[in-house]
N, C-alpha and C. Protein backbone atom coordinates (compact mmCIF):
# COMPACT_ATOMS: atom_id res chain seq x y z
N MET A 1 27.14 195.31 62.79
CA MET A 1 27.56 197.21 63.11
C MET A 1 28.43 196.83 64.18
N GLY A 2 28.68 195.93 65.27
CA GLY A 2 29.20 196.45 66.48
C GLY A 2 28.71 196.86 67.44
N GLY A 3 27.70 197.14 67.76
CA GLY A 3 26.38 198.23 68.47
C GLY A 3 26.53 198.83 68.27
N ARG A 4 27.01 199.61 67.31
CA ARG A 4 26.95 201.04 66.60
C ARG A 4 25.17 201.19 65.46
N CYS A 5 24.86 202.31 65.72
CA CYS A 5 23.94 202.90 64.56
C CYS A 5 24.60 202.85 63.48
N GLU A 6 23.69 203.07 62.40
CA GLU A 6 24.50 202.90 60.95
C GLU A 6 25.03 204.51 60.75
N THR A 7 25.40 205.54 61.61
CA THR A 7 26.24 206.20 60.95
C THR A 7 27.42 206.30 61.60
N HIS A 8 27.46 206.17 63.17
CA HIS A 8 28.30 206.18 63.34
C HIS A 8 29.41 204.10 62.85
N TYR A 9 28.63 203.33 62.64
CA TYR A 9 29.53 202.25 61.83
C TYR A 9 30.09 202.86 60.72
N LYS A 10 29.59 203.42 59.68
CA LYS A 10 30.25 204.28 58.49
C LYS A 10 31.23 205.01 59.10
N GLU A 11 31.63 206.14 60.10
CA GLU A 11 32.64 206.31 60.73
C GLU A 11 33.36 205.58 60.85
N TYR A 12 33.36 204.55 61.74
CA TYR A 12 33.71 203.91 62.30
C TYR A 12 34.45 202.72 60.99
N LYS A 13 34.15 202.39 60.17
CA LYS A 13 34.75 201.33 59.22
C LYS A 13 35.51 202.39 58.27
N LEU A 14 35.35 203.84 57.82
CA LEU A 14 36.32 204.89 57.39
C LEU A 14 37.69 204.99 58.23
N GLU A 15 37.34 205.35 59.43
CA GLU A 15 38.61 205.08 60.34
C GLU A 15 39.64 203.82 60.00
N SER A 16 38.82 202.98 60.33
CA SER A 16 39.63 201.78 60.26
C SER A 16 39.91 201.71 58.54
N GLU A 17 39.29 201.91 57.81
CA GLU A 17 40.42 201.67 56.56
C GLU A 17 41.48 202.48 56.23
N LEU A 18 41.23 203.83 56.30
CA LEU A 18 42.48 204.97 56.92
C LEU A 18 43.23 204.09 57.45
N ARG A 19 43.54 203.71 58.92
CA ARG A 19 44.29 203.00 59.35
C ARG A 19 44.69 202.20 58.66
N ASN A 20 44.18 201.04 58.37
CA ASN A 20 44.67 199.86 57.61
C ASN A 20 45.66 200.56 56.21
N ASP A 21 45.27 201.56 55.65
CA ASP A 21 45.80 202.50 54.39
C ASP A 21 47.00 202.69 55.21
N ALA A 22 47.18 203.76 55.71
CA ALA A 22 48.07 203.77 56.83
C ALA A 22 49.12 203.15 57.00
N ILE A 23 49.12 201.90 57.66
CA ILE A 23 49.72 200.90 57.97
C ILE A 23 50.59 200.39 56.73
N ASN A 24 49.69 200.03 55.33
CA ASN A 24 50.11 199.69 54.52
C ASN A 24 51.21 200.73 53.94
N VAL A 25 50.45 201.65 53.80
CA VAL A 25 51.89 203.01 53.23
C VAL A 25 53.05 202.63 54.24
N LEU A 26 52.79 202.79 55.64
CA LEU A 26 54.82 202.46 56.39
C LEU A 26 55.12 201.27 55.67
N HIS A 27 54.40 200.03 55.68
CA HIS A 27 55.52 198.82 54.98
C HIS A 27 55.70 198.83 53.79
N THR A 28 55.10 199.46 52.76
CA THR A 28 55.29 199.62 51.39
C THR A 28 55.92 200.81 51.53
N GLY A 29 56.18 202.02 51.51
CA GLY A 29 56.62 203.24 51.53
C GLY A 29 56.15 203.72 49.90
N ALA A 30 54.66 203.39 49.79
CA ALA A 30 54.09 203.74 48.50
C ALA A 30 52.20 203.85 49.05
N VAL A 31 51.96 205.03 48.56
CA VAL A 31 50.62 205.50 48.78
C VAL A 31 49.76 204.90 47.32
N ASP A 32 48.89 204.01 47.56
CA ASP A 32 48.12 203.76 46.56
C ASP A 32 48.81 203.10 45.32
N GLY A 33 49.97 202.31 45.58
CA GLY A 33 51.00 201.97 44.95
C GLY A 33 51.94 202.30 44.25
N ARG A 34 52.49 203.45 44.66
CA ARG A 34 53.29 204.68 44.27
C ARG A 34 53.99 205.62 45.20
N LEU A 35 54.69 205.85 44.92
CA LEU A 35 56.00 206.62 46.09
C LEU A 35 55.02 208.04 45.73
N PRO A 36 54.55 209.15 47.08
CA PRO A 36 54.37 209.92 46.98
C PRO A 36 55.05 210.94 46.00
N ASP A 37 54.04 211.21 45.37
CA ASP A 37 54.33 212.57 43.78
C ASP A 37 54.95 213.72 44.47
N ASN A 38 54.46 214.03 45.84
CA ASN A 38 54.74 215.33 46.35
C ASN A 38 56.16 215.26 47.10
N PRO A 39 57.38 216.06 46.57
CA PRO A 39 58.75 215.24 47.38
C PRO A 39 58.82 215.61 48.93
N THR A 40 57.94 216.70 49.32
CA THR A 40 58.45 216.49 50.85
C THR A 40 57.41 215.50 51.40
N LEU A 41 56.45 215.05 50.71
CA LEU A 41 55.55 214.19 51.42
C LEU A 41 56.26 212.44 51.48
N ARG A 42 57.00 212.59 50.14
CA ARG A 42 57.93 211.17 50.28
C ARG A 42 58.98 211.25 50.71
N LYS A 43 59.94 212.25 51.17
CA LYS A 43 61.04 212.76 52.11
C LYS A 43 60.77 212.17 53.60
N GLU A 44 59.36 212.60 54.16
CA GLU A 44 58.86 212.18 55.19
C GLU A 44 58.53 210.98 55.58
N LEU A 45 57.95 210.46 54.24
CA LEU A 45 57.64 209.05 54.33
C LEU A 45 58.33 208.12 54.58
N LEU A 46 59.57 208.34 53.98
CA LEU A 46 60.29 207.54 53.72
C LEU A 46 61.04 207.41 55.38
N HIS A 47 61.49 208.55 55.97
CA HIS A 47 62.12 208.74 57.06
C HIS A 47 61.02 208.09 58.38
N LEU A 48 59.86 207.87 57.80
CA LEU A 48 58.75 207.53 59.03
C LEU A 48 58.97 205.83 58.47
N CYS A 49 59.21 206.07 56.98
CA CYS A 49 59.16 204.10 57.01
C CYS A 49 60.77 203.46 57.93
N LYS A 50 61.32 203.80 57.74
CA LYS A 50 62.73 203.53 58.44
C LYS A 50 62.38 203.42 59.97
N TRP A 51 61.58 204.38 60.35
CA TRP A 51 61.70 204.18 61.50
C TRP A 51 60.68 203.26 62.28
N TRP A 52 59.66 202.90 61.10
CA TRP A 52 58.67 201.84 61.74
C TRP A 52 59.05 200.44 61.47
N GLN A 53 59.98 200.20 60.61
CA GLN A 53 60.53 199.29 60.41
C GLN A 53 61.66 198.57 61.47
N ARG A 54 62.61 199.93 62.39
CA ARG A 54 63.10 199.59 63.30
C ARG A 54 62.23 199.34 64.44
N ALA A 55 60.72 199.91 64.72
CA ALA A 55 60.20 199.76 66.01
C ALA A 55 59.47 198.20 65.50
N CYS A 56 58.94 198.22 64.56
CA CYS A 56 58.68 197.01 64.42
C CYS A 56 59.05 195.69 64.78
N SER A 57 60.69 195.51 64.10
CA SER A 57 61.70 194.44 64.66
C SER A 57 61.85 194.79 66.30
N VAL A 58 61.90 195.70 66.60
CA VAL A 58 61.98 195.51 68.26
C VAL A 58 60.82 194.71 68.76
N VAL A 59 59.74 195.84 68.73
CA VAL A 59 58.56 194.76 68.94
C VAL A 59 58.48 193.17 68.71
N GLN A 60 58.47 192.75 67.72
CA GLN A 60 58.27 191.41 67.19
C GLN A 60 59.64 190.66 67.99
N ASN A 61 60.56 191.29 68.03
CA ASN A 61 61.59 189.90 68.93
C ASN A 61 62.27 190.41 70.05
N HIS A 62 60.86 191.61 70.86
CA HIS A 62 60.35 191.75 72.34
C HIS A 62 62.35 192.30 72.87
N ARG A 63 62.51 192.44 72.05
CA ARG A 63 64.34 192.93 72.46
C ARG A 63 64.52 194.74 72.39
N ASP A 64 65.44 195.23 73.58
CA ASP A 64 65.76 196.62 73.02
C ASP A 64 67.30 196.60 72.39
N THR A 65 66.83 197.38 71.48
CA THR A 65 67.99 197.89 70.89
C THR A 65 69.19 198.93 70.94
N ASN A 66 70.22 199.47 70.60
CA ASN A 66 70.90 200.47 70.51
C ASN A 66 69.98 202.03 70.99
N LEU A 67 69.19 201.53 69.95
CA LEU A 67 68.30 202.81 69.13
C LEU A 67 66.89 203.48 69.99
N LEU A 68 66.13 201.85 70.23
CA LEU A 68 64.89 201.70 70.60
C LEU A 68 65.23 200.85 72.00
N SER A 69 64.12 201.02 72.87
CA SER A 69 63.71 200.32 73.72
C SER A 69 62.12 199.77 73.41
N VAL A 70 61.81 198.63 73.73
CA VAL A 70 60.50 197.91 73.76
C VAL A 70 59.29 199.17 73.86
N THR A 71 59.31 199.97 74.73
CA THR A 71 58.49 200.91 75.13
C THR A 71 58.57 202.08 74.40
N ASP A 72 59.93 202.31 73.92
CA ASP A 72 59.95 203.28 73.15
C ASP A 72 59.15 202.91 71.57
N ALA A 73 59.60 201.83 71.28
CA ALA A 73 58.66 201.40 70.07
C ALA A 73 57.64 201.35 69.60
N ASN A 74 56.58 201.09 70.99
CA ASN A 74 55.69 200.93 70.98
C ASN A 74 55.08 201.74 70.67
N ASP A 75 55.70 203.31 70.92
CA ASP A 75 55.47 204.46 71.16
C ASP A 75 55.53 205.32 69.69
N VAL A 76 57.07 204.75 69.26
CA VAL A 76 57.12 204.56 67.61
C VAL A 76 56.01 204.40 66.77
N ILE A 77 55.67 203.70 67.15
CA ILE A 77 54.58 202.17 66.15
C ILE A 77 53.26 203.32 66.00
N ALA A 78 53.13 203.71 67.15
CA ALA A 78 51.62 204.66 67.27
C ALA A 78 51.85 206.11 66.43
N LEU A 79 53.12 206.80 67.18
CA LEU A 79 53.22 207.92 66.01
C LEU A 79 53.31 207.88 64.58
N SER A 80 53.72 206.59 64.34
CA SER A 80 54.07 206.33 62.71
C SER A 80 52.80 206.04 62.31
N ILE A 81 51.91 205.69 62.50
CA ILE A 81 50.93 205.36 61.92
C ILE A 81 49.63 206.33 62.17
N SER A 82 49.68 207.55 63.17
CA SER A 82 49.00 208.79 63.25
C SER A 82 49.82 209.75 62.17
N ALA A 83 50.96 209.37 61.71
CA ALA A 83 51.83 210.52 61.00
C ALA A 83 51.12 209.59 59.85
N SER A 84 51.08 208.62 59.56
CA SER A 84 51.06 207.91 58.22
C SER A 84 49.93 208.09 57.32
N LYS A 85 48.66 208.49 58.59
CA LYS A 85 47.63 208.84 58.26
C LYS A 85 47.50 209.94 57.61
N GLU A 86 47.93 210.96 58.11
CA GLU A 86 48.20 212.44 57.62
C GLU A 86 49.05 212.78 56.19
N ILE A 87 49.74 211.91 56.15
CA ILE A 87 50.82 211.90 55.05
C ILE A 87 49.78 211.48 53.90
N LEU A 88 49.18 210.22 54.30
CA LEU A 88 48.59 209.36 53.25
C LEU A 88 47.01 210.43 52.47
N GLU A 89 46.72 211.24 53.41
CA GLU A 89 45.71 212.41 53.37
C GLU A 89 46.24 213.10 52.50
N ALA A 90 47.14 213.76 52.57
CA ALA A 90 48.25 214.93 52.01
C ALA A 90 48.17 214.76 50.68
N GLU A 91 48.62 213.45 50.33
CA GLU A 91 49.41 212.54 48.95
C GLU A 91 48.20 212.88 48.10
N ARG A 92 47.12 211.87 48.78
CA ARG A 92 46.26 211.91 48.05
C ARG A 92 45.13 213.42 47.87
N ALA A 93 45.42 214.20 48.43
CA ALA A 93 45.15 215.83 47.90
C ALA A 93 45.72 216.10 47.17
N PHE A 94 47.43 215.95 47.10
CA PHE A 94 47.87 216.63 46.34
C PHE A 94 47.50 215.78 45.02
N ARG A 95 47.90 214.50 44.91
CA ARG A 95 47.13 214.13 43.48
C ARG A 95 45.95 214.67 43.21
N SER A 96 44.68 214.80 43.69
CA SER A 96 43.88 215.07 42.90
C SER A 96 43.49 216.69 42.83
N GLY A 97 45.11 217.48 42.93
CA GLY A 97 45.28 218.67 42.47
C GLY A 97 44.72 219.64 43.36
N GLU A 98 44.84 219.48 44.74
CA GLU A 98 44.58 220.61 45.78
C GLU A 98 46.04 221.21 46.05
N GLN A 99 45.92 222.20 46.18
CA GLN A 99 47.05 223.18 46.79
C GLN A 99 47.70 222.41 48.42
N ILE A 100 48.84 222.12 48.43
CA ILE A 100 48.96 221.97 49.69
C ILE A 100 50.28 222.43 50.19
N ASP A 101 50.39 223.78 49.81
CA ASP A 101 51.55 224.14 50.54
C ASP A 101 52.42 224.11 51.99
N ASP A 102 51.45 224.83 52.60
CA ASP A 102 51.22 224.63 54.08
C ASP A 102 50.70 223.50 54.83
N ILE A 103 50.95 222.12 54.60
CA ILE A 103 50.28 221.29 55.21
C ILE A 103 50.12 221.18 56.94
N PRO A 104 49.27 220.86 57.39
CA PRO A 104 49.04 221.10 58.95
C PRO A 104 49.86 219.68 58.72
N SER A 105 50.66 219.99 59.88
CA SER A 105 51.65 218.67 60.32
C SER A 105 52.10 218.49 62.02
N ILE A 106 50.75 218.54 62.43
CA ILE A 106 51.25 218.73 64.18
C ILE A 106 51.32 217.37 64.59
N LYS A 107 50.61 215.92 64.25
CA LYS A 107 51.00 214.68 64.43
C LYS A 107 52.57 214.43 63.93
N ARG A 108 52.67 214.98 62.69
CA ARG A 108 54.07 214.25 61.82
C ARG A 108 55.03 214.98 62.49
N SER A 109 55.25 216.59 62.61
CA SER A 109 56.07 217.11 63.43
C SER A 109 56.42 216.68 65.03
N TRP A 110 55.35 216.68 65.51
CA TRP A 110 55.80 215.95 66.73
C TRP A 110 56.06 214.33 67.16
N ALA A 111 55.78 213.41 66.06
CA ALA A 111 56.15 212.24 65.88
C ALA A 111 58.07 212.27 65.40
N VAL A 112 58.13 213.44 64.43
CA VAL A 112 59.44 213.44 63.94
C VAL A 112 60.40 213.88 64.68
N GLU A 113 59.73 215.04 65.67
CA GLU A 113 60.82 215.33 67.07
C GLU A 113 61.24 214.74 67.72
N ARG A 114 60.09 213.28 68.32
CA ARG A 114 60.31 212.68 69.16
C ARG A 114 61.08 211.39 68.65
N MET A 115 61.24 211.35 67.25
CA MET A 115 61.87 210.19 66.76
C MET A 115 63.73 210.55 66.60
N GLN A 116 63.77 212.21 66.57
CA GLN A 116 65.08 212.78 66.51
C GLN A 116 65.59 212.84 68.37
N GLU A 117 64.57 212.86 69.38
CA GLU A 117 65.06 212.85 70.12
C GLU A 117 65.80 211.49 70.64
N LEU A 118 65.14 210.59 70.08
CA LEU A 118 65.27 209.56 70.35
C LEU A 118 66.97 208.68 69.85
N GLU A 119 67.34 209.64 68.32
CA GLU A 119 68.45 209.55 67.83
C GLU A 119 69.36 210.47 68.66
N ASP A 120 68.99 211.26 68.87
CA ASP A 120 70.28 212.01 69.76
C ASP A 120 70.51 211.72 71.09
N LYS A 121 69.08 210.94 71.60
CA LYS A 121 69.73 210.49 72.62
C LYS A 121 71.13 209.10 72.79
N LYS A 122 70.54 208.77 71.78
CA LYS A 122 71.57 207.49 71.74
C LYS A 122 72.96 207.85 71.43
N GLN A 123 73.04 209.07 70.61
CA GLN A 123 74.38 209.39 69.69
C GLN A 123 75.58 209.71 70.71
N VAL A 124 74.56 210.00 71.83
CA VAL A 124 75.71 210.90 73.24
C VAL A 124 76.54 209.61 73.76
């Protein structure tokens, strides 16, 4: 249990599973094996996946591109994982029948704003 009590170990394990699921969503564009049913979440996820692929490529090759520096790419990766967790949880809630009209998206909106800033900066 890595020095954790049983309660904290369970929390750690759940958070690790969510993080792994979120990374899988970024790689595949699918939540639990299929595209998001919610159109807004689908659109957000596909945009996020585009950035995820760009950032992964930059980090893996250790080379800046005209759109992303290695430093920015590391930030995009962290933001993407965080945003993907929210999309994943919201899509699962949507599929279970919960109403998600006004999805709290502080992390997602901040991540998207940051990525838009990077796009705008490179187009100048």
